[in-house]
Amino acid sequence: MMPMFLTVYLSNNDQHFSEVPITPETLCRDVVELCKEPGEADCYLAEMWRGSERVVGEGERMMEVLQRWGQQMGEVRYLLHHQRAPGRDSGNKHLHTAAHTVINVIDVFSVIENIVPLCALYW
C-alpha cells in the first residue's frame, strides 16, 4: 500500500505545517503526538471545512475520518490547537458542525436507499 500523508497545520500560518504519514490504524492521538512540541501537554486536532470546525476525537482512525469526506476531502484542513480541547472536561468528545451534519444526512439517505427496496418486498 502506498503511504498516505495528512497535512496538519501547526498554527494559523499556512507555511507552518507538518506532513504526517498515516495508515488505517493511525489514531488521532498518534497524529497529535507527532505534531506537538516536546513537553507540550494539552493539544488537540480539529478539522476545518468552509468555516466550520470539529474536534477530532483522540480515538478516531484518521484514514476513516478522511474517507468520510469523499470528494470534499481536499477542502478539509487539519489544525493542531495548542490548548485543551473545548468540552473535554464536560465529557463531550465532539463538537458537531454543519460539515458533519451534512455528511450524516448523506449517510442516512444511503441507508434509506438500501432499506426502501427491502420494504417493497414485504408490502
PDB file of N, CA and C in Angstrom:
ATOM      1  N   MET A   1       0.838  -1.176   0.000  1.00  0.00           N
ATOM      2  CA  MET A   1       0.000   0.000   0.000  1.00  0.00           C
ATOM      3  C   MET A   1       0.888   1.246   0.000  1.00  0.00           C
ATOM      4  N   MET A   2       0.507   2.212  -0.818  1.00  0.00           N
ATOM      5  CA  MET A   2       1.261   3.452  -0.890  1.00  0.00           C
ATOM      6  C   MET A   2       0.946   4.307   0.339  1.00  0.00           C
ATOM      7  N   PRO A   3       1.963   4.891   0.965  1.00  0.00           N
ATOM      8  CA  PRO A   3       1.698   5.680   2.178  1.00  0.00           C
ATOM      9  C   PRO A   3       0.854   6.904   1.863  1.00  0.00           C
ATOM     10  N   MET A   4      -0.022   7.251   2.815  1.00  0.00           N
ATOM     11  CA  MET A   4      -0.855   8.439   2.689  1.00  0.00           C
ATOM     12  C   MET A   4      -0.361   9.438   3.722  1.00  0.00           C
ATOM     13  N   PHE A   5      -0.387  10.707   3.366  1.00  0.00           N
ATOM     14  CA  PHE A   5       0.094  11.746   4.261  1.00  0.00           C
ATOM     15  C   PHE A   5      -1.028  12.714   4.597  1.00  0.00           C
ATOM     16  N   LEU A   6      -1.097  13.099   5.853  1.00  0.00           N
ATOM     17  CA  LEU A   6      -2.065  14.069   6.337  1.00  0.00           C
ATOM     18  C   LEU A   6      -1.320  15.373   6.602  1.00  0.00           C
ATOM     19  N   THR A   7      -1.792  16.452   6.004  1.00  0.00           N
ATOM     20  CA  THR A   7      -1.188  17.764   6.255  1.00  0.00           C
ATOM     21  C   THR A   7      -1.835  18.345   7.497  1.00  0.00           C
ATOM     22  N   VAL A   8      -1.025  18.645   8.492  1.00  0.00           N
ATOM     23  CA  VAL A   8      -1.503  19.229   9.742  1.00  0.00           C
ATOM     24  C   VAL A   8      -0.872  20.607   9.890  1.00  0.00           C
ATOM     25  N   TYR A   9      -1.716  21.629   9.951  1.00  0.00           N
ATOM     26  CA  TYR A   9      -1.228  22.996  10.151  1.00  0.00           C
ATOM     27  C   TYR A   9      -0.970  23.189  11.636  1.00  0.00           C
ATOM     28  N   LEU A  10       0.218  23.654  11.965  1.00  0.00           N
ATOM     29  CA  LEU A  10       0.654  23.756  13.354  1.00  0.00           C
ATOM     30  C   LEU A  10       0.340  25.122  13.958  1.00  0.00           C
ATOM     31  N   SER A  11      -0.129  26.034  13.130  1.00  0.00           N
ATOM     32  CA  SER A  11      -0.539  27.369  13.576  1.00  0.00           C
ATOM     33  C   SER A  11      -1.440  27.933  12.494  1.00  0.00           C
ATOM     34  N   ASN A  12      -1.839  29.174  12.650  1.00  0.00           N
ATOM     35  CA  ASN A  12      -2.679  29.808  11.637  1.00  0.00           C
ATOM     36  C   ASN A  12      -1.879  30.243  10.413  1.00  0.00           C
ATOM     37  N   ASN A  13      -0.574  30.043  10.441  1.00  0.00           N
ATOM     38  CA  ASN A  13       0.304  30.384   9.323  1.00  0.00           C
ATOM     39  C   ASN A  13       0.311  29.213   8.333  1.00  0.00           C
ATOM     40  N   ASP A  14      -0.070  29.486   7.089  1.00  0.00           N
ATOM     41  CA  ASP A  14      -0.133  28.431   6.073  1.00  0.00           C
ATOM     42  C   ASP A  14       1.210  27.775   5.791  1.00  0.00           C
ATOM     43  N   GLN A  15       2.298  28.418   6.174  1.00  0.00           N
ATOM     44  CA  GLN A  15       3.616  27.860   5.894  1.00  0.00           C
ATOM     45  C   GLN A  15       4.172  27.050   7.064  1.00  0.00           C
ATOM     46  N   HIS A  16       3.420  26.940   8.131  1.00  0.00           N
ATOM     47  CA  HIS A  16       3.859  26.201   9.315  1.00  0.00           C
ATOM     48  C   HIS A  16       3.002  24.935   9.432  1.00  0.00           C
ATOM     49  N   PHE A  17       3.455  23.855   8.760  1.00  0.00           N
ATOM     50  CA  PHE A  17       2.671  22.621   8.747  1.00  0.00           C
ATOM     51  C   PHE A  17       3.597  21.414   8.790  1.00  0.00           C
ATOM     52  N   SER A  18       2.987  20.260   9.022  1.00  0.00           N
ATOM     53  CA  SER A  18       3.724  19.001   9.046  1.00  0.00           C
ATOM     54  C   SER A  18       2.965  17.992   8.190  1.00  0.00           C
ATOM     55  N   GLU A  19       3.700  17.166   7.468  1.00  0.00           N
ATOM     56  CA  GLU A  19       3.119  16.073   6.681  1.00  0.00           C
ATOM     57  C   GLU A  19       3.293  14.797   7.501  1.00  0.00           C
ATOM     58  N   VAL A  20       2.172  14.234   7.960  1.00  0.00           N
ATOM     59  CA  VAL A  20       2.216  13.074   8.843  1.00  0.00           C
ATOM     60  C   VAL A  20       1.780  11.823   8.078  1.00  0.00           C
ATOM     61  N   PRO A  21       2.631  10.789   8.039  1.00  0.00           N
ATOM     62  CA  PRO A  21       2.208   9.550   7.368  1.00  0.00           C
ATOM     63  C   PRO A  21       1.138   8.853   8.206  1.00  0.00           C
ATOM     64  N   ILE A  22       0.089   8.385   7.536  1.00  0.00           N
ATOM     65  CA  ILE A  22      -0.964   7.676   8.263  1.00  0.00           C
ATOM     66  C   ILE A  22      -1.256   6.339   7.598  1.00  0.00           C
ATOM     67  N   THR A  23      -1.724   5.408   8.396  1.00  0.00           N
ATOM     68  CA  THR A  23      -2.141   4.077   7.952  1.00  0.00           C
ATOM     69  C   THR A  23      -3.579   3.882   8.427  1.00  0.00           C
ATOM     70  N   PRO A  24      -4.225   2.794   8.038  1.00  0.00           N
ATOM     71  CA  PRO A  24      -5.590   2.552   8.546  1.00  0.00           C
ATOM     72  C   PRO A  24      -5.665   2.443  10.072  1.00  0.00           C
ATOM     73  N   GLU A  25      -4.554   2.161  10.732  1.00  0.00           N
ATOM     74  CA  GLU A  25      -4.535   2.016  12.191  1.00  0.00           C
ATOM     75  C   GLU A  25      -4.195   3.312  12.921  1.00  0.00           C
ATOM     76  N   THR A  26      -3.777   4.356  12.212  1.00  0.00           N
ATOM     77  CA  THR A  26      -3.345   5.600  12.849  1.00  0.00           C
ATOM     78  C   THR A  26      -4.520   6.304  13.516  1.00  0.00           C
ATOM     79  N   LEU A  27      -4.364   6.576  14.806  1.00  0.00           N
ATOM     80  CA  LEU A  27      -5.394   7.290  15.569  1.00  0.00           C
ATOM     81  C   LEU A  27      -5.061   8.772  15.624  1.00  0.00           C
ATOM     82  N   CYS A  28      -6.067   9.560  15.925  1.00  0.00           N
ATOM     83  CA  CYS A  28      -5.864  10.999  16.069  1.00  0.00           C
ATOM     84  C   CYS A  28      -4.796  11.281  17.116  1.00  0.00           C
ATOM     85  N   ARG A  29      -4.813  10.565  18.237  1.00  0.00           N
ATOM     86  CA  ARG A  29      -3.819  10.818  19.296  1.00  0.00           C
ATOM     87  C   ARG A  29      -2.397  10.597  18.794  1.00  0.00           C
ATOM     88  N   ASP A  30      -2.209   9.660  17.836  1.00  0.00           N
ATOM     89  CA  ASP A  30      -0.892   9.426  17.249  1.00  0.00           C
ATOM     90  C   ASP A  30      -0.430  10.651  16.457  1.00  0.00           C
ATOM     91  N   VAL A  31      -1.354  11.232  15.691  1.00  0.00           N
ATOM     92  CA  VAL A  31      -1.037  12.424  14.895  1.00  0.00           C
ATOM     93  C   VAL A  31      -0.682  13.587  15.814  1.00  0.00           C
ATOM     94  N   VAL A  32      -1.478  13.775  16.872  1.00  0.00           N
ATOM     95  CA  VAL A  32      -1.216  14.868  17.819  1.00  0.00           C
ATOM     96  C   VAL A  32       0.158  14.689  18.458  1.00  0.00           C
ATOM     97  N   GLU A  33       0.492  13.474  18.871  1.00  0.00           N
ATOM     98  CA  GLU A  33       1.791  13.216  19.496  1.00  0.00           C
ATOM     99  C   GLU A  33       2.954  13.540  18.554  1.00  0.00           C
ATOM    100  N   LEU A  34       2.777  13.236  17.277  1.00  0.00           N
ATOM    101  CA  LEU A  34       3.842  13.517  16.310  1.00  0.00           C
ATOM    102  C   LEU A  34       3.998  15.011  16.028  1.00  0.00           C
ATOM    103  N   CYS A  35       2.914  15.756  16.149  1.00  0.00           N
ATOM    104  CA  CYS A  35       2.935  17.170  15.751  1.00  0.00           C
ATOM    105  C   CYS A  35       3.222  18.149  16.887  1.00  0.00           C
ATOM    106  N   LYS A  36       2.898  17.789  18.108  1.00  0.00           N
ATOM    107  CA  LYS A  36       3.064  18.763  19.192  1.00  0.00           C
ATOM    108  C   LYS A  36       4.531  18.897  19.594  1.00  0.00           C
ATOM    109  N   GLU A  37       4.819  19.986  20.256  1.00  0.00           N
ATOM    110  CA  GLU A  37       6.180  20.252  20.729  1.00  0.00           C
ATOM    111  C   GLU A  37       6.521  19.322  21.893  1.00  0.00           C
ATOM    112  N   PRO A  38       7.791  18.933  22.039  1.00  0.00           N
ATOM    113  CA  PRO A  38       8.179  18.100  23.184  1.00  0.00           C
ATOM    114  C   PRO A  38       7.813  18.794  24.496  1.00  0.00           C
ATOM    115  N   GLY A  39       7.181  18.050  25.389  1.00  0.00           N
ATOM    116  CA  GLY A  39       6.798  18.598  26.680  1.00  0.00           C
ATOM    117  C   GLY A  39       5.462  19.314  26.685  1.00  0.00           C
ATOM    118  N   GLU A  40       4.889  19.545  25.517  1.00  0.00           N
ATOM    119  CA  GLU A  40       3.589  20.218  25.436  1.00  0.00           C
ATOM    120  C   GLU A  40       2.505  19.238  25.879  1.00  0.00           C
ATOM    121  N   ALA A  41       1.633  19.683  26.781  1.00  0.00           N
ATOM    122  CA  ALA A  41       0.653  18.768  27.358  1.00  0.00           C
ATOM    123  C   ALA A  41      -0.691  18.788  26.630  1.00  0.00           C
ATOM    124  N   ASP A  42      -1.341  19.907  26.575  1.00  0.00           N
ATOM    125  CA  ASP A  42      -2.707  19.976  26.065  1.00  0.00           C
ATOM    126  C   ASP A  42      -2.746  20.450  24.621  1.00  0.00           C
ATOM    127  N   CYS A  43      -3.004  19.520  23.724  1.00  0.00           N
ATOM    128  CA  CYS A  43      -3.165  19.825  22.301  1.00  0.00           C
ATOM    129  C   CYS A  43      -4.317  18.985  21.777  1.00  0.00           C
ATOM    130  N   TYR A  44      -4.945  19.470  20.712  1.00  0.00           N
ATOM    131  CA  TYR A  44      -5.971  18.666  20.055  1.00  0.00           C
ATOM    132  C   TYR A  44      -5.991  18.991  18.571  1.00  0.00           C
ATOM    133  N   LEU A  45      -6.536  18.067  17.807  1.00  0.00           N
ATOM    134  CA  LEU A  45      -6.631  18.214  16.367  1.00  0.00           C
ATOM    135  C   LEU A  45      -8.063  18.573  16.005  1.00  0.00           C
ATOM    136  N   ALA A  46      -8.207  19.545  15.115  1.00  0.00           N
ATOM    137  CA  ALA A  46      -9.530  19.940  14.632  1.00  0.00           C
ATOM    138  C   ALA A  46      -9.529  19.884  13.118  1.00  0.00           C
ATOM    139  N   GLU A  47     -10.681  19.511  12.559  1.00  0.00           N
ATOM    140  CA  GLU A  47     -10.830  19.584  11.116  1.00  0.00           C
ATOM    141  C   GLU A  47     -11.681  20.801  10.794  1.00  0.00           C
ATOM    142  N   MET A  48     -11.259  21.517   9.767  1.00  0.00           N
ATOM    143  CA  MET A  48     -11.946  22.747   9.394  1.00  0.00           C
ATOM    144  C   MET A  48     -12.436  22.623   7.957  1.00  0.00           C
ATOM    145  N   TRP A  49     -13.684  23.024   7.754  1.00  0.00           N
ATOM    146  CA  TRP A  49     -14.294  22.950   6.431  1.00  0.00           C
ATOM    147  C   TRP A  49     -15.290  24.081   6.276  1.00  0.00           C
ATOM    148  N   ARG A  50     -15.059  24.943   5.318  1.00  0.00           N
ATOM    149  CA  ARG A  50     -15.975  26.043   4.986  1.00  0.00           C
ATOM    150  C   ARG A  50     -16.422  26.838   6.210  1.00  0.00           C
ATOM    151  N   GLY A  51     -15.479  27.167   7.065  1.00  0.00           N
ATOM    152  CA  GLY A  51     -15.773  27.986   8.233  1.00  0.00           C
ATOM    153  C   GLY A  51     -16.278  27.228   9.451  1.00  0.00           C
ATOM    154  N   SER A  52     -16.504  25.929   9.323  1.00  0.00           N
ATOM    155  CA  SER A  52     -16.931  25.104  10.456  1.00  0.00           C
ATOM    156  C   SER A  52     -15.739  24.330  10.982  1.00  0.00           C
ATOM    157  N   GLU A  53     -15.749  24.073  12.266  1.00  0.00           N
ATOM    158  CA  GLU A  53     -14.650  23.343  12.888  1.00  0.00           C
ATOM    159  C   GLU A  53     -15.208  22.252  13.784  1.00  0.00           C
ATOM    160  N   ARG A  54     -14.553  21.092  13.754  1.00  0.00           N
ATOM    161  CA  ARG A  54     -14.942  19.962  14.598  1.00  0.00           C
ATOM    162  C   ARG A  54     -13.699  19.398  15.253  1.00  0.00           C
ATOM    163  N   VAL A  55     -13.779  19.130  16.538  1.00  0.00           N
ATOM    164  CA  VAL A  55     -12.686  18.486  17.260  1.00  0.00           C
ATOM    165  C   VAL A  55     -12.673  17.009  16.850  1.00  0.00           C
ATOM    166  N   VAL A  56     -11.516  16.530  16.437  1.00  0.00           N
ATOM    167  CA  VAL A  56     -11.371  15.116  16.089  1.00  0.00           C
ATOM    168  C   VAL A  56     -11.091  14.360  17.381  1.00  0.00           C
ATOM    169  N   GLY A  57     -11.874  13.342  17.652  1.00  0.00           N
ATOM    170  CA  GLY A  57     -11.716  12.559  18.874  1.00  0.00           C
ATOM    171  C   GLY A  57     -10.384  11.828  18.904  1.00  0.00           C
ATOM    172  N   GLU A  58      -9.794  11.729  20.072  1.00  0.00           N
ATOM    173  CA  GLU A  58      -8.473  11.106  20.210  1.00  0.00           C
ATOM    174  C   GLU A  58      -8.417   9.683  19.670  1.00  0.00           C
ATOM    175  N   GLY A  59      -9.507   8.955  19.779  1.00  0.00           N
ATOM    176  CA  GLY A  59      -9.537   7.558  19.355  1.00  0.00           C
ATOM    177  C   GLY A  59     -10.019   7.341  17.935  1.00  0.00           C
ATOM    178  N   GLU A  60     -10.283   8.407  17.195  1.00  0.00           N
ATOM    179  CA  GLU A  60     -10.757   8.254  15.820  1.00  0.00           C
ATOM    180  C   GLU A  60      -9.609   7.843  14.902  1.00  0.00           C
ATOM    181  N   ARG A  61      -9.893   6.938  13.984  1.00  0.00           N
ATOM    182  CA  ARG A  61      -8.908   6.499  12.999  1.00  0.00           C
ATOM    183  C   ARG A  61      -8.876   7.529  11.874  1.00  0.00           C
ATOM    184  N   MET A  62      -7.699   8.088  11.640  1.00  0.00           N
ATOM    185  CA  MET A  62      -7.575   9.214  10.717  1.00  0.00           C
ATOM    186  C   MET A  62      -7.907   8.842   9.272  1.00  0.00           C
ATOM    187  N   MET A  63      -7.600   7.641   8.860  1.00  0.00           N
ATOM    188  CA  MET A  63      -7.933   7.228   7.496  1.00  0.00           C
ATOM    189  C   MET A  63      -9.452   7.231   7.311  1.00  0.00           C
ATOM    190  N   GLU A  64     -10.191   6.763   8.315  1.00  0.00           N
ATOM    191  CA  GLU A  64     -11.654   6.754   8.248  1.00  0.00           C
ATOM    192  C   GLU A  64     -12.206   8.178   8.255  1.00  0.00           C
ATOM    193  N   VAL A  65     -11.604   9.045   9.061  1.00  0.00           N
ATOM    194  CA  VAL A  65     -12.029  10.448   9.112  1.00  0.00           C
ATOM    195  C   VAL A  65     -11.896  11.069   7.723  1.00  0.00           C
ATOM    196  N   LEU A  66     -10.768  10.833   7.074  1.00  0.00           N
ATOM    197  CA  LEU A  66     -10.539  11.383   5.733  1.00  0.00           C
ATOM    198  C   LEU A  66     -11.521  10.807   4.716  1.00  0.00           C
ATOM    199  N   GLN A  67     -11.728   9.519   4.760  1.00  0.00           N
ATOM    200  CA  GLN A  67     -12.589   8.864   3.778  1.00  0.00           C
ATOM    201  C   GLN A  67     -14.041   9.306   3.885  1.00  0.00           C
ATOM    202  N   ARG A  68     -14.488   9.671   5.082  1.00  0.00           N
ATOM    203  CA  ARG A  68     -15.874  10.140   5.247  1.00  0.00           C
ATOM    204  C   ARG A  68     -16.155  11.392   4.429  1.00  0.00           C
ATOM    205  N   TRP A  69     -15.125  12.167   4.142  1.00  0.00           N
ATOM    206  CA  TRP A  69     -15.303  13.404   3.395  1.00  0.00           C
ATOM    207  C   TRP A  69     -15.507  13.167   1.910  1.00  0.00           C
ATOM    208  N   GLY A  70     -15.147  12.009   1.410  1.00  0.00           N
ATOM    209  CA  GLY A  70     -15.353  11.698  -0.002  1.00  0.00           C
ATOM    210  C   GLY A  70     -14.680  12.718  -0.914  1.00  0.00           C
ATOM    211  N   GLN A  71     -15.433  13.231  -1.872  1.00  0.00           N
ATOM    212  CA  GLN A  71     -14.883  14.160  -2.854  1.00  0.00           C
ATOM    213  C   GLN A  71     -14.484  15.497  -2.247  1.00  0.00           C
ATOM    214  N   GLN A  72     -14.996  15.814  -1.076  1.00  0.00           N
ATOM    215  CA  GLN A  72     -14.674  17.087  -0.425  1.00  0.00           C
ATOM    216  C   GLN A  72     -13.416  17.012   0.426  1.00  0.00           C
ATOM    217  N   MET A  73     -12.740  15.882   0.416  1.00  0.00           N
ATOM    218  CA  MET A  73     -11.549  15.672   1.234  1.00  0.00           C
ATOM    219  C   MET A  73     -10.514  16.786   1.047  1.00  0.00           C
ATOM    220  N   GLY A  74     -10.338  17.240  -0.176  1.00  0.00           N
ATOM    221  CA  GLY A  74      -9.344  18.268  -0.459  1.00  0.00           C
ATOM    222  C   GLY A  74      -9.684  19.633   0.118  1.00  0.00           C
ATOM    223  N   GLU A  75     -10.933  19.843   0.516  1.00  0.00           N
ATOM    224  CA  GLU A  75     -11.361  21.122   1.079  1.00  0.00           C
ATOM    225  C   GLU A  75     -11.174  21.190   2.595  1.00  0.00           C
ATOM    226  N   VAL A  76     -10.842  20.068   3.201  1.00  0.00           N
ATOM    227  CA  VAL A  76     -10.745  19.987   4.664  1.00  0.00           C
ATOM    228  C   VAL A  76      -9.312  20.251   5.094  1.00  0.00           C
ATOM    229  N   ARG A  77      -9.159  21.061   6.143  1.00  0.00           N
ATOM    230  CA  ARG A  77      -7.833  21.332   6.713  1.00  0.00           C
ATOM    231  C   ARG A  77      -7.809  20.813   8.142  1.00  0.00           C
ATOM    232  N   TYR A  78      -6.651  20.324   8.546  1.00  0.00           N
ATOM    233  CA  TYR A  78      -6.472  19.827   9.914  1.00  0.00           C
ATOM    234  C   TYR A  78      -5.516  20.768  10.631  1.00  0.00           C
ATOM    235  N   LEU A  79      -5.965  21.251  11.777  1.00  0.00           N
ATOM    236  CA  LEU A  79      -5.220  22.255  12.531  1.00  0.00           C
ATOM    237  C   LEU A  79      -4.950  21.738  13.939  1.00  0.00           C
ATOM    238  N   LEU A  80      -3.691  21.812  14.353  1.00  0.00           N
ATOM    239  CA  LEU A  80      -3.320  21.441  15.711  1.00  0.00           C
ATOM    240  C   LEU A  80      -3.495  22.666  16.595  1.00  0.00           C
ATOM    241  N   HIS A  81      -4.368  22.546  17.597  1.00  0.00           N
ATOM    242  CA  HIS A  81      -4.562  23.629  18.569  1.00  0.00           C
ATOM    243  C   HIS A  81      -3.695  23.331  19.781  1.00  0.00           C
ATOM    244  N   HIS A  82      -3.012  24.344  20.261  1.00  0.00           N
ATOM    245  CA  HIS A  82      -2.075  24.189  21.379  1.00  0.00           C
ATOM    246  C   HIS A  82      -2.757  24.586  22.686  1.00  0.00           C
ATOM    247  N   GLN A  83      -3.840  23.881  22.989  1.00  0.00           N
ATOM    248  CA  GLN A  83      -4.606  24.102  24.220  1.00  0.00           C
ATOM    249  C   GLN A  83      -5.497  22.888  24.439  1.00  0.00           C
ATOM    250  N   ARG A  84      -6.183  22.867  25.564  1.00  0.00           N
ATOM    251  CA  ARG A  84      -7.100  21.774  25.874  1.00  0.00           C
ATOM    252  C   ARG A  84      -8.307  21.849  24.945  1.00  0.00           C
ATOM    253  N   ALA A  85      -8.784  20.702  24.500  1.00  0.00           N
ATOM    254  CA  ALA A  85      -9.938  20.663  23.603  1.00  0.00           C
ATOM    255  C   ALA A  85     -11.180  21.195  24.308  1.00  0.00           C
ATOM    256  N   PRO A  86     -11.981  22.002  23.630  1.00  0.00           N
ATOM    257  CA  PRO A  86     -13.210  22.506  24.243  1.00  0.00           C
ATOM    258  C   PRO A  86     -14.138  21.354  24.605  1.00  0.00           C
ATOM    259  N   GLY A  87     -14.756  21.443  25.758  1.00  0.00           N
ATOM    260  CA  GLY A  87     -15.693  20.417  26.195  1.00  0.00           C
ATOM    261  C   GLY A  87     -15.038  19.157  26.702  1.00  0.00           C
ATOM    262  N   ARG A  88     -13.723  19.127  26.762  1.00  0.00           N
ATOM    263  CA  ARG A  88     -13.029  17.907  27.192  1.00  0.00           C
ATOM    264  C   ARG A  88     -13.372  17.545  28.634  1.00  0.00           C
ATOM    265  N   ASP A  89     -13.467  18.543  29.504  1.00  0.00           N
ATOM    266  CA  ASP A  89     -13.769  18.273  30.902  1.00  0.00           C
ATOM    267  C   ASP A  89     -15.221  17.869  31.114  1.00  0.00           C
ATOM    268  N   SER A  90     -16.113  18.336  30.243  1.00  0.00           N
ATOM    269  CA  SER A  90     -17.530  18.055  30.429  1.00  0.00           C
ATOM    270  C   SER A  90     -17.943  16.712  29.846  1.00  0.00           C
ATOM    271  N   GLY A  91     -16.993  16.006  29.230  1.00  0.00           N
ATOM    272  CA  GLY A  91     -17.295  14.690  28.688  1.00  0.00           C
ATOM    273  C   GLY A  91     -17.716  14.722  27.230  1.00  0.00           C
ATOM    274  N   ASN A  92     -17.837  15.889  26.611  1.00  0.00           N
ATOM    275  CA  ASN A  92     -18.178  15.966  25.194  1.00  0.00           C
ATOM    276  C   ASN A  92     -16.956  15.591  24.383  1.00  0.00           C
ATOM    277  N   LYS A  93     -17.095  14.602  23.520  1.00  0.00           N
ATOM    278  CA  LYS A  93     -15.952  14.177  22.720  1.00  0.00           C
ATOM    279  C   LYS A  93     -15.898  14.911  21.391  1.00  0.00           C
ATOM    280  N   HIS A  94     -17.048  15.411  20.908  1.00  0.00           N
ATOM    281  CA  HIS A  94     -17.075  16.029  19.594  1.00  0.00           C
ATOM    282  C   HIS A  94     -17.885  17.314  19.627  1.00  0.00           C
ATOM    283  N   LEU A  95     -17.476  18.266  18.829  1.00  0.00           N
ATOM    284  CA  LEU A  95     -18.293  19.430  18.554  1.00  0.00           C
ATOM    285  C   LEU A  95     -18.963  19.159  17.222  1.00  0.00           C
ATOM    286  N   HIS A  96     -20.289  19.230  17.185  1.00  0.00           N
ATOM    287  CA  HIS A  96     -20.982  18.960  15.933  1.00  0.00           C
ATOM    288  C   HIS A  96     -21.035  20.229  15.107  1.00  0.00           C
ATOM    289  N   THR A  97     -20.776  20.083  13.833  1.00  0.00           N
ATOM    290  CA  THR A  97     -20.752  21.227  12.938  1.00  0.00           C
ATOM    291  C   THR A  97     -21.624  20.947  11.740  1.00  0.00           C
ATOM    292  N   ALA A  98     -21.854  21.991  10.977  1.00  0.00           N
ATOM    293  CA  ALA A  98     -22.642  21.841   9.759  1.00  0.00           C
ATOM    294  C   ALA A  98     -21.997  20.841   8.813  1.00  0.00           C
ATOM    295  N   ALA A  99     -20.674  20.795   8.780  1.00  0.00           N
ATOM    296  CA  ALA A  99     -19.978  19.892   7.860  1.00  0.00           C
ATOM    297  C   ALA A  99     -20.355  18.444   8.125  1.00  0.00           C
ATOM    298  N   HIS A 100     -20.321  18.003   9.383  1.00  0.00           N
ATOM    299  CA  HIS A 100     -20.641  16.609   9.672  1.00  0.00           C
ATOM    300  C   HIS A 100     -22.123  16.355   9.688  1.00  0.00           C
ATOM    301  N   THR A 101     -22.917  17.385   9.916  1.00  0.00           N
ATOM    302  CA  THR A 101     -24.358  17.215   9.813  1.00  0.00           C
ATOM    303  C   THR A 101     -24.704  16.848   8.375  1.00  0.00           C
ATOM    304  N   VAL A 102     -24.073  17.512   7.420  1.00  0.00           N
ATOM    305  CA  VAL A 102     -24.303  17.205   6.011  1.00  0.00           C
ATOM    306  C   VAL A 102     -23.893  15.770   5.722  1.00  0.00           C
ATOM    307  N   ILE A 103     -22.733  15.367   6.213  1.00  0.00           N
ATOM    308  CA  ILE A 103     -22.255  14.005   5.974  1.00  0.00           C
ATOM    309  C   ILE A 103     -23.206  12.993   6.600  1.00  0.00           C
ATOM    310  N   ASN A 104     -23.678  13.266   7.834  1.00  0.00           N
ATOM    311  CA  ASN A 104     -24.599  12.338   8.487  1.00  0.00           C
ATOM    312  C   ASN A 104     -25.915  12.227   7.725  1.00  0.00           C
ATOM    313  N   VAL A 105     -26.403  13.332   7.169  1.00  0.00           N
ATOM    314  CA  VAL A 105     -27.628  13.296   6.384  1.00  0.00           C
ATOM    315  C   VAL A 105     -27.416  12.449   5.142  1.00  0.00           C
ATOM    316  N   ILE A 106     -26.271  12.601   4.497  1.00  0.00           N
ATOM    317  CA  ILE A 106     -25.962  11.784   3.317  1.00  0.00           C
ATOM    318  C   ILE A 106     -25.923  10.312   3.704  1.00  0.00           C
ATOM    319  N   ASP A 107     -25.325   9.990   4.862  1.00  0.00           N
ATOM    320  CA  ASP A 107     -25.282   8.606   5.337  1.00  0.00           C
ATOM    321  C   ASP A 107     -26.682   8.055   5.561  1.00  0.00           C
ATOM    322  N   VAL A 108     -27.581   8.877   6.125  1.00  0.00           N
ATOM    323  CA  VAL A 108     -28.962   8.452   6.369  1.00  0.00           C
ATOM    324  C   VAL A 108     -29.652   8.146   5.048  1.00  0.00           C
ATOM    325  N   PHE A 109     -29.467   9.008   4.047  1.00  0.00           N
ATOM    326  CA  PHE A 109     -30.076   8.756   2.750  1.00  0.00           C
ATOM    327  C   PHE A 109     -29.538   7.480   2.122  1.00  0.00           C
ATOM    328  N   SER A 110     -28.270   7.187   2.315  1.00  0.00           N
ATOM    329  CA  SER A 110     -27.696   5.948   1.792  1.00  0.00           C
ATOM    330  C   SER A 110     -28.369   4.736   2.430  1.00  0.00           C
ATOM    331  N   VAL A 111     -28.607   4.798   3.730  1.00  0.00           N
ATOM    332  CA  VAL A 111     -29.282   3.706   4.436  1.00  0.00           C
ATOM    333  C   VAL A 111     -30.711   3.558   3.931  1.00  0.00           C
ATOM    334  N   ILE A 112     -31.407   4.699   3.773  1.00  0.00           N
ATOM    335  CA  ILE A 112     -32.795   4.666   3.305  1.00  0.00           C
ATOM    336  C   ILE A 112     -32.868   4.057   1.910  1.00  0.00           C
ATOM    337  N   GLU A 113     -31.925   4.419   1.035  1.00  0.00           N
ATOM    338  CA  GLU A 113     -31.916   3.860  -0.314  1.00  0.00           C
ATOM    339  C   GLU A 113     -31.807   2.342  -0.284  1.00  0.00           C
ATOM    340  N   ASN A 114     -31.104   1.809   0.700  1.00  0.00           N
ATOM    341  CA  ASN A 114     -30.948   0.355   0.808  1.00  0.00           C
ATOM    342  C   ASN A 114     -32.147  -0.311   1.466  1.00  0.00           C
ATOM    343  N   ILE A 115     -32.860   0.400   2.320  1.00  0.00           N
ATOM    344  CA  ILE A 115     -33.994  -0.175   3.046  1.00  0.00           C
ATOM    345  C   ILE A 115     -35.264  -0.167   2.202  1.00  0.00           C
ATOM    346  N   VAL A 116     -35.503   0.907   1.468  1.00  0.00           N
ATOM    347  CA  VAL A 116     -36.753   1.046   0.714  1.00  0.00           C
ATOM    348  C   VAL A 116     -37.011  -0.153  -0.201  1.00  0.00           C
ATOM    349  N   PRO A 117     -36.042  -0.610  -0.993  1.00  0.00           N
ATOM    350  CA  PRO A 117     -36.320  -1.789  -1.838  1.00  0.00           C
ATOM    351  C   PRO A 117     -36.671  -3.032  -1.011  1.00  0.00           C
ATOM    352  N   LEU A 118     -36.080  -3.181   0.165  1.00  0.00           N
ATOM    353  CA  LEU A 118     -36.393  -4.327   1.022  1.00  0.00           C
ATOM    354  C   LEU A 118     -37.830  -4.251   1.532  1.00  0.00           C
ATOM    355  N   CYS A 119     -38.282  -3.048   1.881  1.00  0.00           N
ATOM    356  CA  CYS A 119     -39.644  -2.857   2.374  1.00  0.00           C
ATOM    357  C   CYS A 119     -40.653  -3.193   1.281  1.00  0.00           C
ATOM    358  N   ALA A 120     -40.324  -2.857   0.058  1.00  0.00           N
ATOM    359  CA  ALA A 120     -41.235  -3.130  -1.067  1.00  0.00           C
ATOM    360  C   ALA A 120     -41.460  -4.618  -1.234  1.00  0.00           C
ATOM    361  N   LEU A 121     -40.496  -5.438  -0.861  1.00  0.00           N
ATOM    362  CA  LEU A 121     -40.657  -6.896  -0.970  1.00  0.00           C
ATOM    363  C   LEU A 121     -41.713  -7.417  -0.018  1.00  0.00           C
ATOM    364  N   TYR A 122     -41.930  -6.751   1.099  1.00  0.00           N
ATOM    365  CA  TYR A 122     -42.851  -7.223   2.120  1.00  0.00           C
ATOM    366  C   TYR A 122     -44.239  -6.603   2.007  1.00  0.00           C
ATOM    367  N   TRP A 123     -44.411  -5.602   1.137  1.00  0.00           N
ATOM    368  CA  TRP A 123     -45.727  -4.941   1.010  1.00  0.00           C
ATOM    369  C   TRP A 123     -46.445  -5.422  -0.180  1.00  0.00           C
TER     370      TRP A 123
END
